[in-house]
Amino acid sequence: MKEKELTSLAVFVKQRRKTLKINQLELSEKAGVGLRFVRDLEQGKASLRMDKVNDVLRLFGHELGPVEMDRTKLWQ
């Protein structure tokens, strides 16, 4: 993923977590992932396991999927 997409994912998860008024530990427990994973996710780590990302996103009614990209920027 590109840095912007990671940042958007990180911001999305953090905002949703705060909307639910839960902390990172509570999110990790509800999603069945480690606290370290939630921290890495919210900090925009470049490499994350997609299955674990989906475990977190499902709590918010979302999941990862293909996103159309600007093909003019592929070879720049």
Protein backbone atom coordinates (compact mmCIF):
# COMPACT_ATOMS: atom_id res chain seq x y z
CA MET A 1 0.00 0.00 0.00
CA LYS A 2 1.05 3.55 -0.56
CA GLU A 3 1.88 5.76 2.43
CA LYS A 4 -1.28 7.85 1.93
CA GLU A 5 -3.46 4.72 1.97
CA LEU A 6 -1.77 3.48 5.14
CA THR A 7 -2.26 6.83 6.80
CA SER A 8 -5.91 6.82 5.80
CA LEU A 9 -6.35 3.33 7.24
CA ALA A 10 -4.55 4.33 10.43
CA VAL A 11 -6.66 7.46 10.83
CA PHE A 12 -9.87 5.53 10.08
CA VAL A 13 -9.17 2.90 12.74
CA LYS A 14 -8.11 5.42 15.35
CA GLN A 15 -11.15 7.64 14.74
CA ARG A 16 -13.55 4.68 14.86
CA ARG A 17 -11.95 3.41 18.06
CA LYS A 18 -12.30 6.81 19.69
CA THR A 19 -15.91 7.08 18.51
CA LEU A 20 -16.60 3.81 20.36
CA LYS A 21 -14.77 5.26 23.37
CA ILE A 22 -12.48 2.29 23.76
CA ASN A 23 -8.73 2.21 24.20
CA GLN A 24 -6.22 0.26 22.14
CA LEU A 25 -6.15 -2.64 24.57
CA GLU A 26 -9.93 -2.99 24.47
CA LEU A 27 -9.88 -2.87 20.66
CA SER A 28 -7.22 -5.55 20.51
CA GLU A 29 -9.21 -7.80 22.84
CA LYS A 30 -12.48 -7.32 20.94
CA ALA A 31 -10.77 -7.98 17.58
CA GLY A 32 -8.70 -10.90 18.83
CA VAL A 33 -5.39 -9.33 17.85
CA GLY A 34 -2.42 -8.22 19.90
CA LEU A 35 -2.05 -4.78 21.40
CA ARG A 36 1.18 -4.32 19.45
CA PHE A 37 -0.72 -4.98 16.21
CA VAL A 38 -3.30 -2.28 17.02
CA ARG A 39 -0.52 0.17 17.81
CA ASP A 40 1.28 -0.66 14.55
CA LEU A 41 -1.98 -0.32 12.61
CA GLU A 42 -2.78 3.08 14.10
CA GLN A 43 0.77 4.29 13.43
CA GLY A 44 0.53 3.33 9.75
CA LYS A 45 3.08 0.51 9.71
CA ALA A 46 3.83 -0.34 6.08
CA SER A 47 3.47 -4.12 6.39
CA LEU A 48 0.55 -5.65 8.25
CA ARG A 49 -1.24 -8.97 7.99
CA MET A 50 -4.40 -8.43 5.97
CA ASP A 51 -6.35 -11.04 7.92
CA LYS A 52 -5.64 -9.22 11.17
CA VAL A 53 -6.49 -5.84 9.63
CA ASN A 54 -9.83 -7.35 8.60
CA ASP A 55 -10.36 -8.68 12.13
CA VAL A 56 -10.15 -5.09 13.36
CA LEU A 57 -12.15 -3.56 10.51
CA ARG A 58 -15.02 -6.04 10.95
CA LEU A 59 -15.73 -4.46 14.34
CA PHE A 60 -16.55 -1.29 12.41
CA GLY A 61 -18.55 -3.06 9.70
CA HIS A 62 -15.77 -2.80 7.09
CA GLU A 63 -13.17 -4.98 5.39
CA LEU A 64 -10.21 -4.57 3.05
CA GLY A 65 -10.89 -4.76 -0.65
CA PRO A 66 -9.44 -3.77 -3.99
CA VAL A 67 -9.28 -0.06 -4.58
CA GLU A 68 -8.97 1.41 -8.05
CA MET A 69 -5.76 3.33 -8.50
CA ASP A 70 -4.64 6.10 -10.82
CA ARG A 71 -2.91 4.11 -13.57
CA THR A 72 -1.15 7.22 -14.89
CA LYS A 73 1.09 7.13 -11.79
CA LEU A 74 2.07 3.46 -12.12
CA TRP A 75 5.30 4.05 -14.01
CA GLN A 76 6.45 7.32 -12.53
